[in-house]
Amino acid sequence: MSFITTRASLRIRKTPYGSTTNLLSGGFCRTASVGLAPSCSAHCNFPSNADSVTRNSSVLGRIYVVGVFVAAPLGVYIQCFEERLGDSRSFTVAAVVNVILLIGTTTVALVFVRKGRVQPHRQWMTRSFAVALVFREARVIGGVTGLENLGNRAQETIVWACLAFSILSADLVLQSQELGAAIYLMQQPTCI
């Protein structure tokens, strides 16, 4: 069984009481698709100047896009092979739908960043990450709840539910971020 693969970046801090190690919540490096497309948030051990962050984001973004366009079709091929060995066709259809959503959202994000529109690019990449993690989420839900022991029908239900809610959950995250930013701006004093 595979669970979500995360590698937390560690920061050692000197305190008067000795060294302490902190896990940075914003610095989790996530693997997407089949683990071939590592991506990293802007907080993942990057220097604070904007040029370096942009350059690193660009490099990691290219790695992610190449990984999506290579690993996603490879995942469908592997699932077709598994179907020949007795797996359900529903898993193959779910893999195809996942690839269509993943490549679609990543392509839209790529088009936006090529046009220099960073905000829509960020939104579509958030959707792409949500779709990329569908099958890992299904593994975690099945493993933690024990539903994977109930057979293929339960696993199919978990996969389809995660796939159905992937874009919705990403949009909920984006809307909550926009709402938080709006509330913050409303609380700022105005100059007259």
N, C-alpha and C. Protein backbone atom coordinates (compact mmCIF):
# COMPACT_ATOMS: atom_id res chain seq x y z
N MET A 1 0.85 -1.17 0.00
CA MET A 1 0.00 0.00 0.00
C MET A 1 0.90 1.24 0.00
N SER A 2 0.52 2.18 -0.85
CA SER A 2 1.30 3.42 -0.87
C SER A 2 0.48 4.55 -0.30
N PHE A 3 1.07 5.33 0.55
CA PHE A 3 0.42 6.50 1.11
C PHE A 3 0.99 7.74 0.44
N ILE A 4 0.42 8.89 0.73
CA ILE A 4 0.90 10.13 0.14
C ILE A 4 2.37 10.31 0.48
N THR A 5 3.16 10.56 -0.54
CA THR A 5 4.59 10.72 -0.35
C THR A 5 4.88 12.19 -0.12
N THR A 6 5.33 12.52 1.06
CA THR A 6 5.71 13.90 1.33
C THR A 6 7.09 13.91 1.96
N ARG A 7 7.84 14.93 1.62
CA ARG A 7 9.14 15.10 2.24
C ARG A 7 9.14 16.50 2.82
N ALA A 8 9.14 16.54 4.12
CA ALA A 8 9.08 17.85 4.78
C ALA A 8 10.48 18.44 4.82
N SER A 9 10.55 19.70 4.52
CA SER A 9 11.84 20.36 4.66
C SER A 9 12.04 20.69 6.13
N LEU A 10 13.23 20.50 6.59
CA LEU A 10 13.54 20.72 8.00
C LEU A 10 14.37 21.98 8.14
N ARG A 11 14.16 22.69 9.21
CA ARG A 11 14.97 23.86 9.51
C ARG A 11 15.49 23.71 10.93
N ILE A 12 16.79 23.78 11.07
CA ILE A 12 17.41 23.69 12.37
C ILE A 12 17.56 25.12 12.90
N ARG A 13 17.08 25.34 14.11
CA ARG A 13 17.13 26.66 14.71
C ARG A 13 17.94 26.58 15.99
N LYS A 14 18.84 27.54 16.17
CA LYS A 14 19.60 27.62 17.41
C LYS A 14 18.80 28.42 18.43
N THR A 15 18.61 27.85 19.58
CA THR A 15 17.92 28.52 20.67
C THR A 15 18.85 28.53 21.87
N PRO A 16 18.52 29.30 22.90
CA PRO A 16 19.37 29.28 24.10
C PRO A 16 19.40 27.90 24.76
N TYR A 17 18.42 27.06 24.45
CA TYR A 17 18.33 25.74 25.08
C TYR A 17 18.90 24.64 24.20
N GLY A 18 19.53 24.99 23.08
CA GLY A 18 20.07 23.99 22.17
C GLY A 18 19.40 24.09 20.81
N SER A 19 19.62 23.09 19.97
CA SER A 19 19.05 23.10 18.63
C SER A 19 17.67 22.46 18.65
N THR A 20 16.76 23.03 17.87
CA THR A 20 15.45 22.43 17.70
C THR A 20 15.19 22.27 16.21
N THR A 21 14.43 21.28 15.86
CA THR A 21 14.09 21.01 14.48
C THR A 21 12.60 21.28 14.30
N ASN A 22 12.26 22.11 13.32
CA ASN A 22 10.86 22.43 13.06
C ASN A 22 10.47 21.94 11.68
N LEU A 23 9.29 21.37 11.58
CA LEU A 23 8.72 21.05 10.29
C LEU A 23 7.99 22.30 9.81
N LEU A 24 8.32 22.77 8.65
CA LEU A 24 7.67 23.96 8.13
C LEU A 24 6.42 23.55 7.40
N SER A 25 5.26 24.05 7.83
CA SER A 25 4.01 23.64 7.20
C SER A 25 3.93 24.11 5.76
N GLY A 26 4.48 25.27 5.44
CA GLY A 26 4.44 25.75 4.07
C GLY A 26 5.52 25.15 3.20
N GLY A 27 6.40 24.34 3.77
CA GLY A 27 7.53 23.84 3.01
C GLY A 27 7.44 22.37 2.66
N PHE A 28 6.25 21.83 2.54
CA PHE A 28 6.15 20.44 2.17
C PHE A 28 6.30 20.29 0.66
N CYS A 29 7.21 19.43 0.28
CA CYS A 29 7.37 19.16 -1.15
C CYS A 29 6.45 17.99 -1.48
N ARG A 30 5.61 18.20 -2.46
CA ARG A 30 4.63 17.17 -2.82
C ARG A 30 5.05 16.49 -4.11
N THR A 31 4.74 15.22 -4.21
CA THR A 31 4.95 14.55 -5.47
C THR A 31 3.60 14.35 -6.12
N ALA A 32 3.54 14.59 -7.40
CA ALA A 32 2.28 14.50 -8.12
C ALA A 32 2.43 13.46 -9.22
N SER A 33 1.31 12.98 -9.67
CA SER A 33 1.22 11.97 -10.70
C SER A 33 1.89 10.70 -10.17
N VAL A 34 2.80 10.09 -10.80
CA VAL A 34 3.36 8.83 -10.33
C VAL A 34 4.65 9.06 -9.56
N GLY A 35 4.82 10.26 -9.05
CA GLY A 35 6.02 10.58 -8.31
C GLY A 35 7.12 11.09 -9.23
N LEU A 36 6.81 11.24 -10.52
CA LEU A 36 7.81 11.71 -11.46
C LEU A 36 7.80 13.21 -11.62
N ALA A 37 6.80 13.89 -11.06
CA ALA A 37 6.68 15.33 -11.27
C ALA A 37 6.73 16.04 -9.93
N PRO A 38 7.90 16.21 -9.35
CA PRO A 38 7.95 16.89 -8.06
C PRO A 38 7.64 18.36 -8.24
N SER A 39 6.86 18.87 -7.31
CA SER A 39 6.57 20.29 -7.32
C SER A 39 6.84 20.82 -5.94
N CYS A 40 6.98 22.09 -5.84
CA CYS A 40 7.37 22.66 -4.57
C CYS A 40 6.72 24.02 -4.43
N SER A 41 6.21 24.31 -3.26
CA SER A 41 5.61 25.62 -3.05
C SER A 41 6.71 26.67 -2.97
N ALA A 42 6.32 27.91 -3.07
CA ALA A 42 7.31 28.99 -3.07
C ALA A 42 8.01 29.14 -1.73
N HIS A 43 7.51 28.46 -0.70
CA HIS A 43 8.10 28.57 0.62
C HIS A 43 9.12 27.47 0.90
N CYS A 44 9.40 26.63 -0.06
CA CYS A 44 10.22 25.45 0.18
C CYS A 44 11.71 25.76 0.04
N ASN A 45 12.27 26.36 1.06
CA ASN A 45 13.70 26.65 1.16
C ASN A 45 14.20 27.54 0.03
N PHE A 46 13.37 28.43 -0.47
CA PHE A 46 13.81 29.35 -1.49
C PHE A 46 14.32 30.62 -0.85
N PRO A 47 15.29 31.28 -1.46
CA PRO A 47 15.72 32.58 -0.96
C PRO A 47 14.57 33.58 -1.08
N SER A 48 14.70 34.68 -0.38
CA SER A 48 13.58 35.59 -0.30
C SER A 48 13.49 36.56 -1.47
N ASN A 49 14.50 36.66 -2.33
CA ASN A 49 14.37 37.61 -3.42
C ASN A 49 13.45 37.05 -4.52
N ALA A 50 12.74 37.95 -5.17
CA ALA A 50 11.70 37.56 -6.11
C ALA A 50 12.25 36.89 -7.36
N ASP A 51 13.42 37.30 -7.85
CA ASP A 51 13.98 36.71 -9.06
C ASP A 51 14.30 35.23 -8.86
N SER A 52 14.86 34.89 -7.72
CA SER A 52 15.21 33.51 -7.44
C SER A 52 13.96 32.65 -7.29
N VAL A 53 12.94 33.19 -6.64
CA VAL A 53 11.69 32.44 -6.47
C VAL A 53 11.05 32.20 -7.82
N THR A 54 11.03 33.22 -8.68
CA THR A 54 10.46 33.08 -10.01
C THR A 54 11.22 32.05 -10.82
N ARG A 55 12.54 32.11 -10.77
CA ARG A 55 13.36 31.17 -11.52
C ARG A 55 13.14 29.74 -11.03
N ASN A 56 13.16 29.54 -9.72
CA ASN A 56 12.95 28.21 -9.17
C ASN A 56 11.55 27.69 -9.47
N SER A 57 10.55 28.58 -9.37
CA SER A 57 9.18 28.18 -9.68
C SER A 57 9.06 27.78 -11.14
N SER A 58 9.76 28.49 -12.01
CA SER A 58 9.73 28.19 -13.43
C SER A 58 10.36 26.82 -13.71
N VAL A 59 11.48 26.54 -13.09
CA VAL A 59 12.16 25.26 -13.29
C VAL A 59 11.30 24.12 -12.75
N LEU A 60 10.78 24.27 -11.53
CA LEU A 60 9.95 23.22 -10.95
C LEU A 60 8.65 23.05 -11.73
N GLY A 61 8.12 24.14 -12.24
CA GLY A 61 6.91 24.07 -13.05
C GLY A 61 7.14 23.29 -14.33
N ARG A 62 8.28 23.51 -14.96
CA ARG A 62 8.59 22.75 -16.18
C ARG A 62 8.75 21.27 -15.88
N ILE A 63 9.40 20.95 -14.76
CA ILE A 63 9.54 19.54 -14.35
C ILE A 63 8.16 18.93 -14.11
N TYR A 64 7.28 19.68 -13.45
CA TYR A 64 5.94 19.20 -13.18
C TYR A 64 5.18 18.94 -14.48
N VAL A 65 5.23 19.89 -15.41
CA VAL A 65 4.49 19.75 -16.67
C VAL A 65 5.00 18.55 -17.47
N VAL A 66 6.31 18.40 -17.57
CA VAL A 66 6.87 17.25 -18.28
C VAL A 66 6.45 15.96 -17.58
N GLY A 67 6.51 15.96 -16.25
CA GLY A 67 6.09 14.77 -15.50
C GLY A 67 4.64 14.42 -15.73
N VAL A 68 3.78 15.44 -15.79
CA VAL A 68 2.35 15.19 -16.04
C VAL A 68 2.16 14.60 -17.42
N PHE A 69 2.80 15.19 -18.44
CA PHE A 69 2.60 14.72 -19.80
C PHE A 69 3.26 13.37 -20.07
N VAL A 70 4.19 12.95 -19.22
CA VAL A 70 4.81 11.63 -19.37
C VAL A 70 4.12 10.60 -18.47
N ALA A 71 3.93 10.95 -17.20
CA ALA A 71 3.45 9.97 -16.23
C ALA A 71 1.95 9.70 -16.34
N ALA A 72 1.16 10.69 -16.70
CA ALA A 72 -0.28 10.48 -16.77
C ALA A 72 -0.65 9.44 -17.84
N PRO A 73 -0.17 9.58 -19.09
CA PRO A 73 -0.47 8.52 -20.06
C PRO A 73 0.14 7.18 -19.67
N LEU A 74 1.28 7.20 -19.01
CA LEU A 74 1.89 5.96 -18.55
C LEU A 74 0.98 5.27 -17.52
N GLY A 75 0.34 6.08 -16.66
CA GLY A 75 -0.59 5.52 -15.69
C GLY A 75 -1.78 4.84 -16.35
N VAL A 76 -2.29 5.42 -17.44
CA VAL A 76 -3.39 4.80 -18.17
C VAL A 76 -2.93 3.49 -18.80
N TYR A 77 -1.72 3.49 -19.37
CA TYR A 77 -1.18 2.26 -19.96
C TYR A 77 -1.06 1.16 -18.90
N ILE A 78 -0.54 1.52 -17.74
CA ILE A 78 -0.40 0.53 -16.67
C ILE A 78 -1.76 0.02 -16.23
N GLN A 79 -2.77 0.93 -16.15
CA GLN A 79 -4.10 0.50 -15.76
C GLN A 79 -4.73 -0.41 -16.81
N CYS A 80 -4.48 -0.16 -18.09
CA CYS A 80 -4.97 -1.05 -19.15
C CYS A 80 -4.34 -2.43 -19.02
N PHE A 81 -3.06 -2.47 -18.66
CA PHE A 81 -2.38 -3.74 -18.43
C PHE A 81 -2.99 -4.46 -17.23
N GLU A 82 -3.31 -3.70 -16.16
CA GLU A 82 -3.95 -4.29 -14.98
C GLU A 82 -5.34 -4.82 -15.32
N GLU A 83 -6.03 -4.14 -16.23
CA GLU A 83 -7.36 -4.61 -16.63
C GLU A 83 -7.26 -5.96 -17.33
N ARG A 84 -6.23 -6.14 -18.13
CA ARG A 84 -6.04 -7.44 -18.79
C ARG A 84 -5.75 -8.54 -17.79
N LEU A 85 -5.24 -8.16 -16.62
CA LEU A 85 -4.96 -9.15 -15.58
C LEU A 85 -6.15 -9.38 -14.65
N GLY A 86 -7.29 -8.72 -14.94
CA GLY A 86 -8.49 -8.99 -14.16
C GLY A 86 -9.06 -7.82 -13.40
N ASP A 87 -8.44 -6.66 -13.49
CA ASP A 87 -8.97 -5.49 -12.81
C ASP A 87 -10.24 -5.00 -13.50
N SER A 88 -11.02 -4.21 -12.81
CA SER A 88 -12.28 -3.72 -13.32
C SER A 88 -12.08 -2.65 -14.39
N ARG A 89 -12.99 -2.61 -15.35
CA ARG A 89 -12.94 -1.58 -16.39
C ARG A 89 -13.19 -0.20 -15.80
N SER A 90 -13.92 -0.13 -14.69
CA SER A 90 -14.21 1.15 -14.06
C SER A 90 -12.94 1.85 -13.62
N PHE A 91 -11.93 1.09 -13.19
CA PHE A 91 -10.65 1.68 -12.83
C PHE A 91 -9.96 2.29 -14.06
N THR A 92 -10.08 1.60 -15.20
CA THR A 92 -9.48 2.12 -16.42
C THR A 92 -10.17 3.40 -16.86
N VAL A 93 -11.50 3.42 -16.78
CA VAL A 93 -12.24 4.63 -17.13
C VAL A 93 -11.89 5.77 -16.18
N ALA A 94 -11.77 5.46 -14.89
CA ALA A 94 -11.38 6.48 -13.91
C ALA A 94 -9.98 7.00 -14.22
N ALA A 95 -9.07 6.13 -14.63
CA ALA A 95 -7.72 6.57 -14.98
C ALA A 95 -7.74 7.48 -16.20
N VAL A 96 -8.57 7.14 -17.20
CA VAL A 96 -8.67 7.98 -18.40
C VAL A 96 -9.26 9.34 -18.05
N VAL A 97 -10.32 9.35 -17.24
CA VAL A 97 -10.92 10.63 -16.83
C VAL A 97 -9.92 11.45 -16.02
N ASN A 98 -9.16 10.79 -15.15
CA ASN A 98 -8.15 11.49 -14.37
C ASN A 98 -7.09 12.11 -15.28
N VAL A 99 -6.65 11.37 -16.30
CA VAL A 99 -5.64 11.89 -17.22
C VAL A 99 -6.20 13.08 -18.01
N ILE A 100 -7.45 12.99 -18.44
CA ILE A 100 -8.05 14.10 -19.18
C ILE A 100 -8.12 15.34 -18.30
N LEU A 101 -8.57 15.17 -17.06
CA LEU A 101 -8.62 16.31 -16.14
C LEU A 101 -7.23 16.85 -15.81
N LEU A 102 -6.28 15.96 -15.58
CA LEU A 102 -4.94 16.37 -15.20
C LEU A 102 -4.24 17.11 -16.34
N ILE A 103 -4.27 16.53 -17.52
CA ILE A 103 -3.62 17.18 -18.66
C ILE A 103 -4.37 18.46 -19.03
N GLY A 104 -5.70 18.43 -18.92
CA GLY A 104 -6.48 19.62 -19.23
C GLY A 104 -6.18 20.79 -18.31
N THR A 105 -6.21 20.54 -17.00
CA THR A 105 -5.94 21.63 -16.05
C THR A 105 -4.50 22.11 -16.15
N THR A 106 -3.56 21.20 -16.36
CA THR A 106 -2.15 21.59 -16.49
C THR A 106 -1.93 22.39 -17.77
N THR A 107 -2.60 22.00 -18.85
CA THR A 107 -2.46 22.74 -20.11
C THR A 107 -3.01 24.15 -19.99
N VAL A 108 -4.17 24.29 -19.35
CA VAL A 108 -4.75 25.63 -19.16
C VAL A 108 -3.81 26.49 -18.31
N ALA A 109 -3.25 25.91 -17.25
CA ALA A 109 -2.29 26.64 -16.41
C ALA A 109 -1.06 27.04 -17.20
N LEU A 110 -0.58 26.15 -18.05
CA LEU A 110 0.59 26.43 -18.87
C LEU A 110 0.30 27.57 -19.86
N VAL A 111 -0.88 27.57 -20.45
CA VAL A 111 -1.25 28.65 -21.38
C VAL A 111 -1.30 29.98 -20.64
N PHE A 112 -1.88 29.99 -19.44
CA PHE A 112 -1.96 31.24 -18.69
C PHE A 112 -0.58 31.78 -18.31
N VAL A 113 0.32 30.91 -17.88
CA VAL A 113 1.64 31.40 -17.48
C VAL A 113 2.43 31.85 -18.70
N ARG A 114 2.24 31.23 -19.85
CA ARG A 114 2.92 31.66 -21.06
C ARG A 114 2.44 33.04 -21.51
N LYS A 115 1.18 33.36 -21.19
CA LYS A 115 0.64 34.68 -21.52
C LYS A 115 0.96 35.72 -20.43
N GLY A 116 1.60 35.29 -19.34
CA GLY A 116 1.97 36.21 -18.28
C GLY A 116 0.87 36.49 -17.28
N ARG A 117 -0.18 35.69 -17.28
CA ARG A 117 -1.29 35.89 -16.35
C ARG A 117 -1.09 34.94 -15.16
N VAL A 118 -0.45 35.44 -14.12
CA VAL A 118 -0.01 34.61 -13.01
C VAL A 118 -1.17 34.16 -12.13
N GLN A 119 -2.13 35.04 -11.84
CA GLN A 119 -3.23 34.68 -10.93
C GLN A 119 -4.07 33.51 -11.48
N PRO A 120 -4.55 33.56 -12.74
CA PRO A 120 -5.27 32.39 -13.24
C PRO A 120 -4.38 31.15 -13.34
N HIS A 121 -3.08 31.36 -13.61
CA HIS A 121 -2.15 30.23 -13.65
C HIS A 121 -2.10 29.54 -12.29
N ARG A 122 -2.01 30.33 -11.23
CA ARG A 122 -1.95 29.78 -9.87
C ARG A 122 -3.23 29.00 -9.57
N GLN A 123 -4.37 29.54 -9.98
CA GLN A 123 -5.65 28.86 -9.72
C GLN A 123 -5.73 27.54 -10.46
N TRP A 124 -5.31 27.52 -11.73
CA TRP A 124 -5.38 26.27 -12.48
C TRP A 124 -4.35 25.26 -12.02
N MET A 125 -3.20 25.71 -11.54
CA MET A 125 -2.22 24.77 -10.99
C MET A 125 -2.73 24.16 -9.69
N THR A 126 -3.47 24.94 -8.90
CA THR A 126 -4.08 24.38 -7.69
C THR A 126 -5.05 23.27 -8.07
N ARG A 127 -5.83 23.50 -9.11
CA ARG A 127 -6.76 22.46 -9.59
C ARG A 127 -5.97 21.25 -10.11
N SER A 128 -4.88 21.50 -10.80
CA SER A 128 -4.06 20.42 -11.33
C SER A 128 -3.47 19.57 -10.20
N PHE A 129 -2.98 20.22 -9.14
CA PHE A 129 -2.44 19.47 -7.99
C PHE A 129 -3.53 18.61 -7.35
N ALA A 130 -4.74 19.17 -7.25
CA ALA A 130 -5.84 18.42 -6.64
C ALA A 130 -6.16 17.17 -7.46
N VAL A 131 -6.15 17.30 -8.78
CA VAL A 131 -6.43 16.15 -9.64
C VAL A 131 -5.27 15.16 -9.59
N ALA A 132 -4.04 15.66 -9.52
CA ALA A 132 -2.87 14.78 -9.51
C ALA A 132 -2.84 13.88 -8.28
N LEU A 133 -3.43 14.33 -7.20
CA LEU A 133 -3.38 13.56 -5.95
C LEU A 133 -4.56 12.62 -5.75
N VAL A 134 -5.43 12.48 -6.76
CA VAL A 134 -6.66 11.69 -6.59
C VAL A 134 -6.37 10.25 -6.18
N PHE A 135 -5.53 9.56 -6.90
CA PHE A 135 -5.33 8.15 -6.60
C PHE A 135 -4.56 7.94 -5.30
N ARG A 136 -3.73 8.88 -4.94
CA ARG A 136 -3.07 8.78 -3.63
C ARG A 136 -4.06 9.04 -2.51
N GLU A 137 -4.95 10.00 -2.71
CA GLU A 137 -6.00 10.23 -1.72
C GLU A 137 -6.86 8.98 -1.56
N ALA A 138 -7.18 8.34 -2.66
CA ALA A 138 -8.00 7.13 -2.60
C ALA A 138 -7.28 6.03 -1.83
N ARG A 139 -5.97 5.90 -2.03
CA ARG A 139 -5.21 4.90 -1.27
C ARG A 139 -5.22 5.20 0.22
N VAL A 140 -5.06 6.47 0.56
CA VAL A 140 -5.04 6.85 1.98
C VAL A 140 -6.40 6.62 2.61
N ILE A 141 -7.47 7.06 1.94
CA ILE A 141 -8.82 6.88 2.48
C ILE A 141 -9.13 5.40 2.64
N GLY A 142 -8.80 4.61 1.62
CA GLY A 142 -9.04 3.17 1.71
C GLY A 142 -8.22 2.50 2.79
N GLY A 143 -6.96 2.94 2.93
CA GLY A 143 -6.08 2.32 3.92
C GLY A 143 -6.41 2.72 5.34
N VAL A 144 -6.71 4.00 5.55
CA VAL A 144 -6.98 4.48 6.90
C VAL A 144 -8.32 3.96 7.41
N THR A 145 -9.33 3.97 6.56
CA THR A 145 -10.66 3.54 6.99
C THR A 145 -10.85 2.02 6.91
N GLY A 146 -9.96 1.33 6.22
CA GLY A 146 -10.10 -0.11 6.06
C GLY A 146 -11.07 -0.51 4.96
N LEU A 147 -11.54 0.46 4.18
CA LEU A 147 -12.49 0.17 3.11
C LEU A 147 -11.87 -0.61 1.96
N GLU A 148 -10.56 -0.58 1.84
CA GLU A 148 -9.92 -1.32 0.76
C GLU A 148 -10.06 -2.83 0.94
N ASN A 149 -10.35 -3.27 2.15
CA ASN A 149 -10.52 -4.70 2.41
C ASN A 149 -11.89 -5.21 1.99
N LEU A 150 -12.79 -4.29 1.59
CA LEU A 150 -14.14 -4.69 1.20
C LEU A 150 -14.25 -5.10 -0.25
N GLY A 151 -13.17 -5.02 -1.01
CA GLY A 151 -13.18 -5.47 -2.40
C GLY A 151 -13.10 -4.33 -3.39
N ASN A 152 -13.19 -4.72 -4.66
CA ASN A 152 -13.02 -3.77 -5.74
C ASN A 152 -14.12 -2.72 -5.80
N ARG A 153 -15.36 -3.10 -5.48
CA ARG A 153 -16.46 -2.13 -5.55
C ARG A 153 -16.24 -0.96 -4.61
N ALA A 154 -15.76 -1.24 -3.41
CA ALA A 154 -15.48 -0.16 -2.46
C ALA A 154 -14.34 0.71 -2.95
N GLN A 155 -13.31 0.09 -3.51
CA GLN A 155 -12.19 0.86 -4.04
C GLN A 155 -12.62 1.73 -5.22
N GLU A 156 -13.48 1.19 -6.08
CA GLU A 156 -13.99 1.98 -7.20
C GLU A 156 -14.77 3.19 -6.71
N THR A 157 -15.58 2.98 -5.70
CA THR A 157 -16.38 4.08 -5.14
C THR A 157 -15.47 5.17 -4.57
N ILE A 158 -14.43 4.76 -3.86
CA ILE A 158 -13.50 5.73 -3.28
C ILE A 158 -12.80 6.51 -4.38
N VAL A 159 -12.32 5.82 -5.42
CA VAL A 159 -11.61 6.49 -6.51
C VAL A 159 -12.52 7.48 -7.22
N TRP A 160 -13.74 7.06 -7.54
CA TRP A 160 -14.66 7.96 -8.25
C TRP A 160 -15.07 9.14 -7.37
N ALA A 161 -15.24 8.91 -6.07
CA ALA A 161 -15.61 10.02 -5.17
C ALA A 161 -14.46 11.03 -5.09
N CYS A 162 -13.23 10.55 -4.97
CA CYS A 162 -12.08 11.46 -4.93
C CYS A 162 -11.94 12.21 -6.24
N LEU A 163 -12.18 11.54 -7.35
CA LEU A 163 -12.10 12.18 -8.66
C LEU A 163 -13.19 13.24 -8.82
N ALA A 164 -14.39 12.92 -8.35
CA ALA A 164 -15.50 13.87 -8.47
C ALA A 164 -15.28 15.11 -7.62
N PHE A 165 -14.67 14.96 -6.46
CA PHE A 165 -14.50 16.09 -5.55
C PHE A 165 -13.15 16.80 -5.71
N SER A 166 -12.30 16.36 -6.62
CA SER A 166 -10.97 16.97 -6.73
C SER A 166 -11.04 18.43 -7.17
N ILE A 167 -11.73 18.72 -8.24
CA ILE A 167 -11.83 20.11 -8.73
C ILE A 167 -12.64 20.94 -7.74
N LEU A 168 -13.70 20.35 -7.20
CA LEU A 168 -14.53 21.08 -6.23
C LEU A 168 -13.72 21.47 -5.00
N SER A 169 -12.93 20.55 -4.48
CA SER A 169 -12.14 20.86 -3.29
C SER A 169 -11.09 21.93 -3.60
N ALA A 170 -10.48 21.87 -4.78
CA ALA A 170 -9.52 22.91 -5.16
C ALA A 170 -10.20 24.27 -5.25
N ASP A 171 -11.39 24.30 -5.83
CA ASP A 171 -12.11 25.58 -5.92
C ASP A 171 -12.53 26.09 -4.55
N LEU A 172 -12.88 25.18 -3.64
CA LEU A 172 -13.21 25.62 -2.28
C LEU A 172 -11.99 26.24 -1.60
N VAL A 173 -10.82 25.65 -1.80
CA VAL A 173 -9.60 26.22 -1.24
C VAL A 173 -9.32 27.59 -1.84
N LEU A 174 -9.47 27.71 -3.16
CA LEU A 174 -9.24 29.01 -3.81
C LEU A 174 -10.23 30.07 -3.34
N GLN A 175 -11.51 29.67 -3.19
CA GLN A 175 -12.51 30.63 -2.72
C GLN A 175 -12.26 31.05 -1.28
N SER A 176 -11.82 30.12 -0.45
CA SER A 176 -11.54 30.48 0.95
C SER A 176 -10.34 31.42 1.02
N GLN A 177 -9.35 31.23 0.15
CA GLN A 177 -8.20 32.14 0.12
C GLN A 177 -8.64 33.54 -0.31
N GLU A 178 -9.50 33.62 -1.32
CA GLU A 178 -9.98 34.93 -1.78
C GLU A 178 -10.84 35.60 -0.72
N LEU A 179 -11.65 34.81 -0.01
CA LEU A 179 -12.48 35.36 1.05
C LEU A 179 -11.60 35.88 2.19
N GLY A 180 -10.57 35.13 2.54
CA GLY A 180 -9.65 35.57 3.58
C GLY A 180 -8.93 36.85 3.20
N ALA A 181 -8.53 36.96 1.94
CA ALA A 181 -7.86 38.18 1.48
C ALA A 181 -8.83 39.36 1.51
N ALA A 182 -10.10 39.13 1.13
CA ALA A 182 -11.09 40.21 1.15
C ALA A 182 -11.36 40.67 2.57
N ILE A 183 -11.46 39.74 3.51
CA ILE A 183 -11.68 40.11 4.91
C ILE A 183 -10.49 40.89 5.45
N TYR A 184 -9.29 40.47 5.09
CA TYR A 184 -8.08 41.19 5.52
C TYR A 184 -8.07 42.61 4.99
N LEU A 185 -8.44 42.78 3.73
CA LEU A 185 -8.44 44.12 3.14
C LEU A 185 -9.53 45.00 3.77
N MET A 186 -10.64 44.40 4.16
CA MET A 186 -11.72 45.18 4.80
C MET A 186 -11.30 45.65 6.18
N GLN A 187 -10.43 44.92 6.86
CA GLN A 187 -10.02 45.28 8.21
C GLN A 187 -8.91 46.32 8.22
N GLN A 188 -8.30 46.61 7.08
CA GLN A 188 -7.23 47.59 7.02
C GLN A 188 -7.81 49.00 7.13
N PRO A 189 -7.14 49.86 7.90
CA PRO A 189 -7.63 51.24 8.03
C PRO A 189 -7.47 51.99 6.71
N THR A 190 -8.41 52.84 6.44
CA THR A 190 -8.34 53.64 5.22
C THR A 190 -7.77 55.01 5.52
N CYS A 191 -7.04 55.54 4.59
CA CYS A 191 -6.44 56.87 4.73
C CYS A 191 -7.38 57.89 4.11
N ILE A 192 -7.62 58.94 4.83
CA ILE A 192 -8.49 60.00 4.30
C ILE A 192 -7.72 61.28 4.18
